[in-house]
Amino acid sequence: MATIQRFQSSARMAGVVSCGDLLYLSGQVPTDLQAGIEEQTQQVLAKIEALLTLAGSDKGQLLSAQIWLKDIERDFAAMNSVWDAWLPTNCAPARATVQANLARPEVLVEIMVTAAKLASDV
């Protein structure tokens, strides 16, 4: 049976759940809710990168990403620009991006990813 580990866990949710060689990150939202889409996306990706590091992985190990945008028509291109600059070459995960009403009206983007652990941590 695989060991399950939870990181940054509360009664409601964990920031990361590790099972075997896979990592499941909860949806990450920006800290500065007054920022525009580019800065909010940068904040979310920085949080994802920190959680991946905490759990023994990095952004080159992404398997899938789910992205929710408050206004996909307005923000899709700008979010993609930040995403493309952040993602290592030849490491694109399977991905879906949709428009959604998010938990707070000021949140413009939320991202949830699944990743593999680095080989040395498996």
PDB file of N, CA and C in Angstrom:
ATOM      1  N   MET A   1       0.842  -1.183   0.000  1.00  0.00           N
ATOM      2  CA  MET A   1       0.000   0.000   0.000  1.00  0.00           C
ATOM      3  C   MET A   1       0.887   1.246   0.000  1.00  0.00           C
ATOM      4  N   ALA A   2       0.535   2.207  -0.819  1.00  0.00           N
ATOM      5  CA  ALA A   2       1.307   3.446  -0.930  1.00  0.00           C
ATOM      6  C   ALA A   2       1.111   4.314   0.310  1.00  0.00           C
ATOM      7  N   THR A   3       2.178   4.986   0.695  1.00  0.00           N
ATOM      8  CA  THR A   3       2.110   5.926   1.809  1.00  0.00           C
ATOM      9  C   THR A   3       1.580   7.257   1.307  1.00  0.00           C
ATOM     10  N   ILE A   4       0.643   7.821   2.052  1.00  0.00           N
ATOM     11  CA  ILE A   4       0.087   9.128   1.716  1.00  0.00           C
ATOM     12  C   ILE A   4       0.647  10.147   2.692  1.00  0.00           C
ATOM     13  N   GLN A   5       1.185  11.234   2.160  1.00  0.00           N
ATOM     14  CA  GLN A   5       1.683  12.348   2.974  1.00  0.00           C
ATOM     15  C   GLN A   5       0.914  13.599   2.597  1.00  0.00           C
ATOM     16  N   ARG A   6       0.653  14.432   3.603  1.00  0.00           N
ATOM     17  CA  ARG A   6      -0.023  15.708   3.369  1.00  0.00           C
ATOM     18  C   ARG A   6       0.878  16.835   3.847  1.00  0.00           C
ATOM     19  N   PHE A   7       0.987  17.877   3.041  1.00  0.00           N
ATOM     20  CA  PHE A   7       1.804  19.041   3.364  1.00  0.00           C
ATOM     21  C   PHE A   7       0.896  20.260   3.455  1.00  0.00           C
ATOM     22  N   GLN A   8       1.225  21.147   4.378  1.00  0.00           N
ATOM     23  CA  GLN A   8       0.439  22.364   4.596  1.00  0.00           C
ATOM     24  C   GLN A   8      -1.044  22.015   4.690  1.00  0.00           C
ATOM     25  N   SER A   9      -1.337  21.120   5.630  1.00  0.00           N
ATOM     26  CA  SER A   9      -2.669  20.565   5.772  1.00  0.00           C
ATOM     27  C   SER A   9      -3.462  21.258   6.872  1.00  0.00           C
ATOM     28  N   SER A  10      -4.763  21.381   6.647  1.00  0.00           N
ATOM     29  CA  SER A  10      -5.695  21.877   7.661  1.00  0.00           C
ATOM     30  C   SER A  10      -6.854  20.885   7.725  1.00  0.00           C
ATOM     31  N   ALA A  11      -7.857  21.202   8.520  1.00  0.00           N
ATOM     32  CA  ALA A  11      -9.024  20.327   8.612  1.00  0.00           C
ATOM     33  C   ALA A  11      -9.769  20.242   7.281  1.00  0.00           C
ATOM     34  N   ARG A  12      -9.693  21.294   6.476  1.00  0.00           N
ATOM     35  CA  ARG A  12     -10.452  21.360   5.222  1.00  0.00           C
ATOM     36  C   ARG A  12      -9.694  20.807   4.022  1.00  0.00           C
ATOM     37  N   MET A  13      -8.396  21.089   3.946  1.00  0.00           N
ATOM     38  CA  MET A  13      -7.656  20.704   2.740  1.00  0.00           C
ATOM     39  C   MET A  13      -6.155  20.711   2.997  1.00  0.00           C
ATOM     40  N   ALA A  14      -5.438  20.055   2.092  1.00  0.00           N
ATOM     41  CA  ALA A  14      -3.977  20.057   2.130  1.00  0.00           C
ATOM     42  C   ALA A  14      -3.466  20.841   0.931  1.00  0.00           C
ATOM     43  N   GLY A  15      -2.355  21.523   1.119  1.00  0.00           N
ATOM     44  CA  GLY A  15      -1.730  22.216  -0.002  1.00  0.00           C
ATOM     45  C   GLY A  15      -1.201  21.241  -1.030  1.00  0.00           C
ATOM     46  N   VAL A  16      -0.653  20.120  -0.543  1.00  0.00           N
ATOM     47  CA  VAL A  16      -0.124  19.059  -1.405  1.00  0.00           C
ATOM     48  C   VAL A  16      -0.441  17.717  -0.763  1.00  0.00           C
ATOM     49  N   VAL A  17      -0.840  16.763  -1.570  1.00  0.00           N
ATOM     50  CA  VAL A  17      -0.968  15.378  -1.130  1.00  0.00           C
ATOM     51  C   VAL A  17      -0.026  14.552  -1.999  1.00  0.00           C
ATOM     52  N   SER A  18       0.818  13.758  -1.335  1.00  0.00           N
ATOM     53  CA  SER A  18       1.771  12.885  -2.011  1.00  0.00           C
ATOM     54  C   SER A  18       1.321  11.440  -1.836  1.00  0.00           C
ATOM     55  N   CYS A  19       1.295  10.699  -2.942  1.00  0.00           N
ATOM     56  CA  CYS A  19       0.961   9.275  -2.896  1.00  0.00           C
ATOM     57  C   CYS A  19       1.861   8.572  -3.909  1.00  0.00           C
ATOM     58  N   GLY A  20       2.736   7.726  -3.422  1.00  0.00           N
ATOM     59  CA  GLY A  20       3.695   7.085  -4.314  1.00  0.00           C
ATOM     60  C   GLY A  20       4.602   8.132  -4.925  1.00  0.00           C
ATOM     61  N   ASP A  21       4.692   8.132  -6.240  1.00  0.00           N
ATOM     62  CA  ASP A  21       5.561   9.106  -6.905  1.00  0.00           C
ATOM     63  C   ASP A  21       4.779  10.278  -7.503  1.00  0.00           C
ATOM     64  N   LEU A  22       3.529  10.453  -7.065  1.00  0.00           N
ATOM     65  CA  LEU A  22       2.695  11.543  -7.578  1.00  0.00           C
ATOM     66  C   LEU A  22       2.384  12.579  -6.509  1.00  0.00           C
ATOM     67  N   LEU A  23       2.277  13.825  -6.948  1.00  0.00           N
ATOM     68  CA  LEU A  23       1.921  14.948  -6.079  1.00  0.00           C
ATOM     69  C   LEU A  23       0.679  15.620  -6.637  1.00  0.00           C
ATOM     70  N   TYR A  24      -0.275  15.861  -5.761  1.00  0.00           N
ATOM     71  CA  TYR A  24      -1.518  16.531  -6.131  1.00  0.00           C
ATOM     72  C   TYR A  24      -1.582  17.839  -5.357  1.00  0.00           C
ATOM     73  N   LEU A  25      -1.518  18.953  -6.050  1.00  0.00           N
ATOM     74  CA  LEU A  25      -1.595  20.264  -5.396  1.00  0.00           C
ATOM     75  C   LEU A  25      -3.023  20.769  -5.439  1.00  0.00           C
ATOM     76  N   SER A  26      -3.438  21.386  -4.343  1.00  0.00           N
ATOM     77  CA  SER A  26      -4.753  22.023  -4.338  1.00  0.00           C
ATOM     78  C   SER A  26      -4.697  23.275  -5.201  1.00  0.00           C
ATOM     79  N   GLY A  27      -5.851  23.793  -5.557  1.00  0.00           N
ATOM     80  CA  GLY A  27      -5.906  25.015  -6.347  1.00  0.00           C
ATOM     81  C   GLY A  27      -5.245  26.162  -5.610  1.00  0.00           C
ATOM     82  N   GLN A  28      -4.377  26.888  -6.300  1.00  0.00           N
ATOM     83  CA  GLN A  28      -3.659  28.021  -5.714  1.00  0.00           C
ATOM     84  C   GLN A  28      -4.218  29.319  -6.275  1.00  0.00           C
ATOM     85  N   VAL A  29      -4.381  30.284  -5.385  1.00  0.00           N
ATOM     86  CA  VAL A  29      -4.894  31.601  -5.768  1.00  0.00           C
ATOM     87  C   VAL A  29      -3.876  32.662  -5.366  1.00  0.00           C
ATOM     88  N   PRO A  30      -3.969  33.848  -5.951  1.00  0.00           N
ATOM     89  CA  PRO A  30      -3.001  34.908  -5.647  1.00  0.00           C
ATOM     90  C   PRO A  30      -3.179  35.470  -4.245  1.00  0.00           C
ATOM     91  N   THR A  31      -2.127  36.128  -3.773  1.00  0.00           N
ATOM     92  CA  THR A  31      -2.148  36.801  -2.477  1.00  0.00           C
ATOM     93  C   THR A  31      -2.665  38.224  -2.616  1.00  0.00           C
ATOM     94  N   ASP A  32      -2.192  38.923  -3.627  1.00  0.00           N
ATOM     95  CA  ASP A  32      -2.588  40.323  -3.857  1.00  0.00           C
ATOM     96  C   ASP A  32      -3.790  40.348  -4.793  1.00  0.00           C
ATOM     97  N   LEU A  33      -4.958  40.509  -4.204  1.00  0.00           N
ATOM     98  CA  LEU A  33      -6.186  40.456  -4.990  1.00  0.00           C
ATOM     99  C   LEU A  33      -6.484  41.749  -5.730  1.00  0.00           C
ATOM    100  N   GLN A  34      -5.656  42.768  -5.536  1.00  0.00           N
ATOM    101  CA  GLN A  34      -5.813  44.019  -6.280  1.00  0.00           C
ATOM    102  C   GLN A  34      -4.966  44.034  -7.549  1.00  0.00           C
ATOM    103  N   ALA A  35      -4.096  43.037  -7.698  1.00  0.00           N
ATOM    104  CA  ALA A  35      -3.189  42.973  -8.850  1.00  0.00           C
ATOM    105  C   ALA A  35      -3.938  42.566 -10.114  1.00  0.00           C
ATOM    106  N   GLY A  36      -3.324  42.853 -11.259  1.00  0.00           N
ATOM    107  CA  GLY A  36      -3.867  42.439 -12.546  1.00  0.00           C
ATOM    108  C   GLY A  36      -3.565  40.977 -12.820  1.00  0.00           C
ATOM    109  N   ILE A  37      -4.008  40.495 -13.964  1.00  0.00           N
ATOM    110  CA  ILE A  37      -3.884  39.078 -14.288  1.00  0.00           C
ATOM    111  C   ILE A  37      -2.433  38.613 -14.368  1.00  0.00           C
ATOM    112  N   GLU A  38      -1.533  39.426 -14.918  1.00  0.00           N
ATOM    113  CA  GLU A  38      -0.134  38.994 -15.020  1.00  0.00           C
ATOM    114  C   GLU A  38       0.467  38.774 -13.638  1.00  0.00           C
ATOM    115  N   GLU A  39       0.303  39.741 -12.746  1.00  0.00           N
ATOM    116  CA  GLU A  39       0.882  39.614 -11.409  1.00  0.00           C
ATOM    117  C   GLU A  39       0.192  38.513 -10.611  1.00  0.00           C
ATOM    118  N   GLN A  40      -1.117  38.394 -10.734  1.00  0.00           N
ATOM    119  CA  GLN A  40      -1.810  37.314 -10.028  1.00  0.00           C
ATOM    120  C   GLN A  40      -1.315  35.954 -10.517  1.00  0.00           C
ATOM    121  N   THR A  41      -1.115  35.811 -11.817  1.00  0.00           N
ATOM    122  CA  THR A  41      -0.608  34.547 -12.357  1.00  0.00           C
ATOM    123  C   THR A  41       0.803  34.275 -11.843  1.00  0.00           C
ATOM    124  N   GLN A  42       1.661  35.290 -11.807  1.00  0.00           N
ATOM    125  CA  GLN A  42       3.018  35.121 -11.268  1.00  0.00           C
ATOM    126  C   GLN A  42       2.973  34.675  -9.813  1.00  0.00           C
ATOM    127  N   GLN A  43       2.089  35.258  -9.022  1.00  0.00           N
ATOM    128  CA  GLN A  43       1.964  34.884  -7.614  1.00  0.00           C
ATOM    129  C   GLN A  43       1.526  33.427  -7.469  1.00  0.00           C
ATOM    130  N   VAL A  44       0.548  33.025  -8.255  1.00  0.00           N
ATOM    131  CA  VAL A  44       0.054  31.652  -8.198  1.00  0.00           C
ATOM    132  C   VAL A  44       1.156  30.672  -8.599  1.00  0.00           C
ATOM    133  N   LEU A  45       1.874  30.965  -9.656  1.00  0.00           N
ATOM    134  CA  LEU A  45       2.945  30.074 -10.104  1.00  0.00           C
ATOM    135  C   LEU A  45       4.080  30.000  -9.091  1.00  0.00           C
ATOM    136  N   ALA A  46       4.375  31.096  -8.410  1.00  0.00           N
ATOM    137  CA  ALA A  46       5.391  31.078  -7.349  1.00  0.00           C
ATOM    138  C   ALA A  46       4.941  30.183  -6.194  1.00  0.00           C
ATOM    139  N   LYS A  47       3.671  30.235  -5.847  1.00  0.00           N
ATOM    140  CA  LYS A  47       3.142  29.368  -4.789  1.00  0.00           C
ATOM    141  C   LYS A  47       3.222  27.898  -5.206  1.00  0.00           C
ATOM    142  N   ILE A  48       2.888  27.625  -6.450  1.00  0.00           N
ATOM    143  CA  ILE A  48       2.975  26.255  -6.959  1.00  0.00           C
ATOM    144  C   ILE A  48       4.415  25.762  -6.915  1.00  0.00           C
ATOM    145  N   GLU A  49       5.338  26.595  -7.354  1.00  0.00           N
ATOM    146  CA  GLU A  49       6.748  26.204  -7.353  1.00  0.00           C
ATOM    147  C   GLU A  49       7.240  25.915  -5.935  1.00  0.00           C
ATOM    148  N   ALA A  50       6.847  26.729  -4.974  1.00  0.00           N
ATOM    149  CA  ALA A  50       7.247  26.516  -3.578  1.00  0.00           C
ATOM    150  C   ALA A  50       6.669  25.210  -3.030  1.00  0.00           C
ATOM    151  N   LEU A  51       5.411  24.917  -3.338  1.00  0.00           N
ATOM    152  CA  LEU A  51       4.802  23.667  -2.876  1.00  0.00           C
ATOM    153  C   LEU A  51       5.454  22.456  -3.528  1.00  0.00           C
ATOM    154  N   LEU A  52       5.775  22.551  -4.804  1.00  0.00           N
ATOM    155  CA  LEU A  52       6.466  21.453  -5.475  1.00  0.00           C
ATOM    156  C   LEU A  52       7.818  21.183  -4.821  1.00  0.00           C
ATOM    157  N   THR A  53       8.556  22.233  -4.535  1.00  0.00           N
ATOM    158  CA  THR A  53       9.858  22.087  -3.873  1.00  0.00           C
ATOM    159  C   THR A  53       9.694  21.436  -2.504  1.00  0.00           C
ATOM    160  N   LEU A  54       8.729  21.903  -1.738  1.00  0.00           N
ATOM    161  CA  LEU A  54       8.454  21.354  -0.408  1.00  0.00           C
ATOM    162  C   LEU A  54       8.202  19.848  -0.462  1.00  0.00           C
ATOM    163  N   ALA A  55       7.522  19.403  -1.506  1.00  0.00           N
ATOM    164  CA  ALA A  55       7.127  17.999  -1.609  1.00  0.00           C
ATOM    165  C   ALA A  55       8.087  17.151  -2.441  1.00  0.00           C
ATOM    166  N   GLY A  56       9.207  17.721  -2.891  1.00  0.00           N
ATOM    167  CA  GLY A  56      10.221  16.939  -3.594  1.00  0.00           C
ATOM    168  C   GLY A  56      10.072  16.888  -5.102  1.00  0.00           C
ATOM    169  N   SER A  57       9.672  18.002  -5.690  1.00  0.00           N
ATOM    170  CA  SER A  57       9.528  18.049  -7.139  1.00  0.00           C
ATOM    171  C   SER A  57       9.886  19.437  -7.645  1.00  0.00           C
ATOM    172  N   ASP A  58       9.625  19.675  -8.923  1.00  0.00           N
ATOM    173  CA  ASP A  58       9.805  21.007  -9.494  1.00  0.00           C
ATOM    174  C   ASP A  58       8.891  21.160 -10.706  1.00  0.00           C
ATOM    175  N   LYS A  59       8.877  22.341 -11.283  1.00  0.00           N
ATOM    176  CA  LYS A  59       7.943  22.628 -12.375  1.00  0.00           C
ATOM    177  C   LYS A  59       8.239  21.845 -13.650  1.00  0.00           C
ATOM    178  N   GLY A  60       9.402  21.258 -13.757  1.00  0.00           N
ATOM    179  CA  GLY A  60       9.716  20.401 -14.892  1.00  0.00           C
ATOM    180  C   GLY A  60       9.058  19.030 -14.816  1.00  0.00           C
ATOM    181  N   GLN A  61       8.429  18.729 -13.685  1.00  0.00           N
ATOM    182  CA  GLN A  61       7.795  17.429 -13.463  1.00  0.00           C
ATOM    183  C   GLN A  61       6.269  17.480 -13.554  1.00  0.00           C
ATOM    184  N   LEU A  62       5.726  18.606 -14.038  1.00  0.00           N
ATOM    185  CA  LEU A  62       4.269  18.740 -14.123  1.00  0.00           C
ATOM    186  C   LEU A  62       3.679  17.711 -15.085  1.00  0.00           C
ATOM    187  N   LEU A  63       2.584  17.106 -14.662  1.00  0.00           N
ATOM    188  CA  LEU A  63       1.865  16.153 -15.502  1.00  0.00           C
ATOM    189  C   LEU A  63       0.586  16.757 -16.066  1.00  0.00           C
ATOM    190  N   SER A  64      -0.117  17.502 -15.227  1.00  0.00           N
ATOM    191  CA  SER A  64      -1.355  18.131 -15.688  1.00  0.00           C
ATOM    192  C   SER A  64      -1.586  19.432 -14.938  1.00  0.00           C
ATOM    193  N   ALA A  65      -2.353  20.309 -15.563  1.00  0.00           N
ATOM    194  CA  ALA A  65      -2.713  21.590 -14.952  1.00  0.00           C
ATOM    195  C   ALA A  65      -4.156  21.913 -15.313  1.00  0.00           C
ATOM    196  N   GLN A  66      -4.867  22.396 -14.323  1.00  0.00           N
ATOM    197  CA  GLN A  66      -6.220  22.904 -14.529  1.00  0.00           C
ATOM    198  C   GLN A  66      -6.199  24.367 -14.147  1.00  0.00           C
ATOM    199  N   ILE A  67      -6.647  25.213 -15.061  1.00  0.00           N
ATOM    200  CA  ILE A  67      -6.597  26.657 -14.847  1.00  0.00           C
ATOM    201  C   ILE A  67      -8.000  27.218 -14.977  1.00  0.00           C
ATOM    202  N   TRP A  68      -8.383  28.012 -13.981  1.00  0.00           N
ATOM    203  CA  TRP A  68      -9.664  28.698 -13.992  1.00  0.00           C
ATOM    204  C   TRP A  68      -9.408  30.194 -14.075  1.00  0.00           C
ATOM    205  N   LEU A  69     -10.058  30.846 -15.023  1.00  0.00           N
ATOM    206  CA  LEU A  69      -9.956  32.296 -15.184  1.00  0.00           C
ATOM    207  C   LEU A  69     -11.324  32.924 -14.949  1.00  0.00           C
ATOM    208  N   LYS A  70     -11.321  34.060 -14.284  1.00  0.00           N
ATOM    209  CA  LYS A  70     -12.574  34.788 -14.072  1.00  0.00           C
ATOM    210  C   LYS A  70     -13.143  35.272 -15.400  1.00  0.00           C
ATOM    211  N   ASP A  71     -12.277  35.778 -16.280  1.00  0.00           N
ATOM    212  CA  ASP A  71     -12.707  36.306 -17.580  1.00  0.00           C
ATOM    213  C   ASP A  71     -11.749  35.790 -18.647  1.00  0.00           C
ATOM    214  N   ILE A  72     -12.082  34.677 -19.257  1.00  0.00           N
ATOM    215  CA  ILE A  72     -11.168  34.021 -20.194  1.00  0.00           C
ATOM    216  C   ILE A  72     -10.924  34.861 -21.444  1.00  0.00           C
ATOM    217  N   GLU A  73     -11.926  35.562 -21.910  1.00  0.00           N
ATOM    218  CA  GLU A  73     -11.758  36.385 -23.111  1.00  0.00           C
ATOM    219  C   GLU A  73     -10.758  37.513 -22.867  1.00  0.00           C
ATOM    220  N   ARG A  74     -10.838  38.140 -21.715  1.00  0.00           N
ATOM    221  CA  ARG A  74      -9.957  39.258 -21.385  1.00  0.00           C
ATOM    222  C   ARG A  74      -8.556  38.789 -20.981  1.00  0.00           C
ATOM    223  N   ASP A  75      -8.454  37.682 -20.231  1.00  0.00           N
ATOM    224  CA  ASP A  75      -7.207  37.347 -19.537  1.00  0.00           C
ATOM    225  C   ASP A  75      -6.426  36.158 -20.090  1.00  0.00           C
ATOM    226  N   PHE A  76      -6.988  35.414 -21.034  1.00  0.00           N
ATOM    227  CA  PHE A  76      -6.337  34.192 -21.507  1.00  0.00           C
ATOM    228  C   PHE A  76      -4.945  34.454 -22.073  1.00  0.00           C
ATOM    229  N   ALA A  77      -4.803  35.408 -22.963  1.00  0.00           N
ATOM    230  CA  ALA A  77      -3.503  35.677 -23.596  1.00  0.00           C
ATOM    231  C   ALA A  77      -2.470  36.146 -22.579  1.00  0.00           C
ATOM    232  N   ALA A  78      -2.853  37.033 -21.675  1.00  0.00           N
ATOM    233  CA  ALA A  78      -1.911  37.548 -20.677  1.00  0.00           C
ATOM    234  C   ALA A  78      -1.487  36.448 -19.705  1.00  0.00           C
ATOM    235  N   MET A  79      -2.428  35.615 -19.275  1.00  0.00           N
ATOM    236  CA  MET A  79      -2.086  34.497 -18.394  1.00  0.00           C
ATOM    237  C   MET A  79      -1.138  33.549 -19.112  1.00  0.00           C
ATOM    238  N   ASN A  80      -1.423  33.237 -20.377  1.00  0.00           N
ATOM    239  CA  ASN A  80      -0.560  32.339 -21.150  1.00  0.00           C
ATOM    240  C   ASN A  80       0.850  32.890 -21.303  1.00  0.00           C
ATOM    241  N   SER A  81       0.981  34.186 -21.448  1.00  0.00           N
ATOM    242  CA  SER A  81       2.301  34.805 -21.575  1.00  0.00           C
ATOM    243  C   SER A  81       3.143  34.552 -20.325  1.00  0.00           C
ATOM    244  N   VAL A  82       2.538  34.719 -19.162  1.00  0.00           N
ATOM    245  CA  VAL A  82       3.241  34.466 -17.894  1.00  0.00           C
ATOM    246  C   VAL A  82       3.521  32.975 -17.749  1.00  0.00           C
ATOM    247  N   TRP A  83       2.540  32.147 -18.045  1.00  0.00           N
ATOM    248  CA  TRP A  83       2.694  30.690 -17.964  1.00  0.00           C
ATOM    249  C   TRP A  83       3.844  30.223 -18.857  1.00  0.00           C
ATOM    250  N   ASP A  84       3.855  30.682 -20.103  1.00  0.00           N
ATOM    251  CA  ASP A  84       4.888  30.262 -21.058  1.00  0.00           C
ATOM    252  C   ASP A  84       6.288  30.668 -20.605  1.00  0.00           C
ATOM    253  N   ALA A  85       6.430  31.844 -20.021  1.00  0.00           N
ATOM    254  CA  ALA A  85       7.733  32.304 -19.523  1.00  0.00           C
ATOM    255  C   ALA A  85       8.187  31.488 -18.314  1.00  0.00           C
ATOM    256  N   TRP A  86       7.250  30.998 -17.528  1.00  0.00           N
ATOM    257  CA  TRP A  86       7.549  30.252 -16.299  1.00  0.00           C
ATOM    258  C   TRP A  86       7.893  28.793 -16.578  1.00  0.00           C
ATOM    259  N   LEU A  87       7.241  28.188 -17.546  1.00  0.00           N
ATOM    260  CA  LEU A  87       7.370  26.758 -17.797  1.00  0.00           C
ATOM    261  C   LEU A  87       8.683  26.440 -18.508  1.00  0.00           C
ATOM    262  N   PRO A  88       9.436  25.430 -18.026  1.00  0.00           N
ATOM    263  CA  PRO A  88      10.664  25.039 -18.718  1.00  0.00           C
ATOM    264  C   PRO A  88      10.361  24.516 -20.132  1.00  0.00           C
ATOM    265  N   THR A  89      11.314  24.659 -21.033  1.00  0.00           N
ATOM    266  CA  THR A  89      11.178  24.176 -22.405  1.00  0.00           C
ATOM    267  C   THR A  89      10.932  22.670 -22.414  1.00  0.00           C
ATOM    268  N   ASN A  90      10.033  22.232 -23.270  1.00  0.00           N
ATOM    269  CA  ASN A  90       9.705  20.816 -23.460  1.00  0.00           C
ATOM    270  C   ASN A  90       9.149  20.137 -22.214  1.00  0.00           C
ATOM    271  N   CYS A  91       8.515  20.894 -21.341  1.00  0.00           N
ATOM    272  CA  CYS A  91       7.935  20.332 -20.117  1.00  0.00           C
ATOM    273  C   CYS A  91       6.449  20.654 -19.978  1.00  0.00           C
ATOM    274  N   ALA A  92       5.776  20.924 -21.077  1.00  0.00           N
ATOM    275  CA  ALA A  92       4.363  21.298 -21.004  1.00  0.00           C
ATOM    276  C   ALA A  92       3.520  20.128 -20.497  1.00  0.00           C
ATOM    277  N   PRO A  93       2.673  20.373 -19.495  1.00  0.00           N
ATOM    278  CA  PRO A  93       1.785  19.326 -19.001  1.00  0.00           C
ATOM    279  C   PRO A  93       0.517  19.244 -19.849  1.00  0.00           C
ATOM    280  N   ALA A  94      -0.256  18.195 -19.656  1.00  0.00           N
ATOM    281  CA  ALA A  94      -1.626  18.192 -20.167  1.00  0.00           C
ATOM    282  C   ALA A  94      -2.332  19.335 -19.444  1.00  0.00           C
ATOM    283  N   ARG A  95      -3.209  20.073 -20.142  1.00  0.00           N
ATOM    284  CA  ARG A  95      -3.758  21.282 -19.518  1.00  0.00           C
ATOM    285  C   ARG A  95      -5.151  21.597 -20.033  1.00  0.00           C
ATOM    286  N   ALA A  96      -5.960  22.135 -19.144  1.00  0.00           N
ATOM    287  CA  ALA A  96      -7.272  22.667 -19.518  1.00  0.00           C
ATOM    288  C   ALA A  96      -7.423  24.030 -18.863  1.00  0.00           C
ATOM    289  N   THR A  97      -8.015  24.969 -19.593  1.00  0.00           N
ATOM    290  CA  THR A  97      -8.287  26.308 -19.063  1.00  0.00           C
ATOM    291  C   THR A  97      -9.746  26.625 -19.346  1.00  0.00           C
ATOM    292  N   VAL A  98     -10.456  27.038 -18.303  1.00  0.00           N
ATOM    293  CA  VAL A  98     -11.869  27.372 -18.445  1.00  0.00           C
ATOM    294  C   VAL A  98     -12.178  28.665 -17.708  1.00  0.00           C
ATOM    295  N   GLN A  99     -13.315  29.231 -18.029  1.00  0.00           N
ATOM    296  CA  GLN A  99     -13.808  30.399 -17.301  1.00  0.00           C
ATOM    297  C   GLN A  99     -14.697  29.908 -16.171  1.00  0.00           C
ATOM    298  N   ALA A 100     -14.579  30.553 -14.999  1.00  0.00           N
ATOM    299  CA  ALA A 100     -15.377  30.136 -13.846  1.00  0.00           C
ATOM    300  C   ALA A 100     -15.584  31.296 -12.888  1.00  0.00           C
ATOM    301  N   ASN A 101     -16.668  31.225 -12.132  1.00  0.00           N
ATOM    302  CA  ASN A 101     -16.846  32.114 -10.991  1.00  0.00           C
ATOM    303  C   ASN A 101     -15.981  31.555  -9.874  1.00  0.00           C
ATOM    304  N   LEU A 102     -15.009  32.320  -9.420  1.00  0.00           N
ATOM    305  CA  LEU A 102     -14.079  31.852  -8.400  1.00  0.00           C
ATOM    306  C   LEU A 102     -14.583  32.237  -7.013  1.00  0.00           C
ATOM    307  N   ALA A 103     -13.911  31.742  -5.972  1.00  0.00           N
ATOM    308  CA  ALA A 103     -14.393  31.884  -4.599  1.00  0.00           C
ATOM    309  C   ALA A 103     -14.563  33.330  -4.151  1.00  0.00           C
ATOM    310  N   ARG A 104     -13.727  34.208  -4.656  1.00  0.00           N
ATOM    311  CA  ARG A 104     -13.832  35.639  -4.344  1.00  0.00           C
ATOM    312  C   ARG A 104     -13.803  36.414  -5.650  1.00  0.00           C
ATOM    313  N   PRO A 105     -14.579  37.477  -5.759  1.00  0.00           N
ATOM    314  CA  PRO A 105     -14.651  38.201  -7.030  1.00  0.00           C
ATOM    315  C   PRO A 105     -13.333  38.835  -7.468  1.00  0.00           C
ATOM    316  N   GLU A 106     -12.417  39.087  -6.541  1.00  0.00           N
ATOM    317  CA  GLU A 106     -11.135  39.711  -6.887  1.00  0.00           C
ATOM    318  C   GLU A 106     -10.122  38.712  -7.447  1.00  0.00           C
ATOM    319  N   VAL A 107     -10.370  37.429  -7.253  1.00  0.00           N
ATOM    320  CA  VAL A 107      -9.467  36.393  -7.764  1.00  0.00           C
ATOM    321  C   VAL A 107      -9.692  36.264  -9.267  1.00  0.00           C
ATOM    322  N   LEU A 108      -8.629  36.486 -10.030  1.00  0.00           N
ATOM    323  CA  LEU A 108      -8.713  36.418 -11.489  1.00  0.00           C
ATOM    324  C   LEU A 108      -8.273  35.072 -12.046  1.00  0.00           C
ATOM    325  N   VAL A 109      -7.472  34.320 -11.258  1.00  0.00           N
ATOM    326  CA  VAL A 109      -6.924  33.051 -11.738  1.00  0.00           C
ATOM    327  C   VAL A 109      -6.724  32.098 -10.561  1.00  0.00           C
ATOM    328  N   GLU A 110      -6.991  30.830 -10.812  1.00  0.00           N
ATOM    329  CA  GLU A 110      -6.685  29.749  -9.872  1.00  0.00           C
ATOM    330  C   GLU A 110      -6.097  28.612 -10.690  1.00  0.00           C
ATOM    331  N   ILE A 111      -5.033  27.995 -10.155  1.00  0.00           N
ATOM    332  CA  ILE A 111      -4.364  26.909 -10.882  1.00  0.00           C
ATOM    333  C   ILE A 111      -4.147  25.730  -9.942  1.00  0.00           C
ATOM    334  N   MET A 112      -4.453  24.536 -10.441  1.00  0.00           N
ATOM    335  CA  MET A 112      -4.234  23.290  -9.709  1.00  0.00           C
ATOM    336  C   MET A 112      -3.402  22.373 -10.600  1.00  0.00           C
ATOM    337  N   VAL A 113      -2.371  21.742 -10.041  1.00  0.00           N
ATOM    338  CA  VAL A 113      -1.504  20.878 -10.840  1.00  0.00           C
ATOM    339  C   VAL A 113      -1.309  19.517 -10.185  1.00  0.00           C
ATOM    340  N   THR A 114      -0.931  18.566 -11.017  1.00  0.00           N
ATOM    341  CA  THR A 114      -0.457  17.255 -10.597  1.00  0.00           C
ATOM    342  C   THR A 114       0.956  17.120 -11.151  1.00  0.00           C
ATOM    343  N   ALA A 115       1.858  16.562 -10.340  1.00  0.00           N
ATOM    344  CA  ALA A 115       3.255  16.437 -10.760  1.00  0.00           C
ATOM    345  C   ALA A 115       3.832  15.111 -10.280  1.00  0.00           C
ATOM    346  N   ALA A 116       4.914  14.709 -10.905  1.00  0.00           N
ATOM    347  CA  ALA A 116       5.684  13.559 -10.454  1.00  0.00           C
ATOM    348  C   ALA A 116       6.773  14.053  -9.510  1.00  0.00           C
ATOM    349  N   LYS A 117       7.125  13.220  -8.542  1.00  0.00           N
ATOM    350  CA  LYS A 117       8.267  13.548  -7.691  1.00  0.00           C
ATOM    351  C   LYS A 117       9.543  13.424  -8.517  1.00  0.00           C
ATOM    352  N   LEU A 118      10.568  14.129  -8.089  1.00  0.00           N
ATOM    353  CA  LEU A 118      11.878  13.967  -8.721  1.00  0.00           C
ATOM    354  C   LEU A 118      12.359  12.544  -8.480  1.00  0.00           C
ATOM    355  N   ALA A 119      13.095  11.985  -9.419  1.00  0.00           N
ATOM    356  CA  ALA A 119      13.521  10.589  -9.350  1.00  0.00           C
ATOM    357  C   ALA A 119      14.254  10.260  -8.062  1.00  0.00           C
ATOM    358  N   SER A 120      15.054  11.165  -7.537  1.00  0.00           N
ATOM    359  CA  SER A 120      15.816  10.895  -6.310  1.00  0.00           C
ATOM    360  C   SER A 120      14.923  10.817  -5.087  1.00  0.00           C
ATOM    361  N   ASP A 121      13.669  11.337  -5.173  1.00  0.00           N
ATOM    362  CA  ASP A 121      12.755  11.328  -4.036  1.00  0.00           C
ATOM    363  C   ASP A 121      11.729  10.202  -4.108  1.00  0.00           C
ATOM    364  N   VAL A 122      11.721   9.451  -5.201  1.00  0.00           N
ATOM    365  CA  VAL A 122      10.704   8.406  -5.376  1.00  0.00           C
ATOM    366  C   VAL A 122      11.093   7.182  -4.592  1.00  0.00           C
TER     367      VAL A 122
END
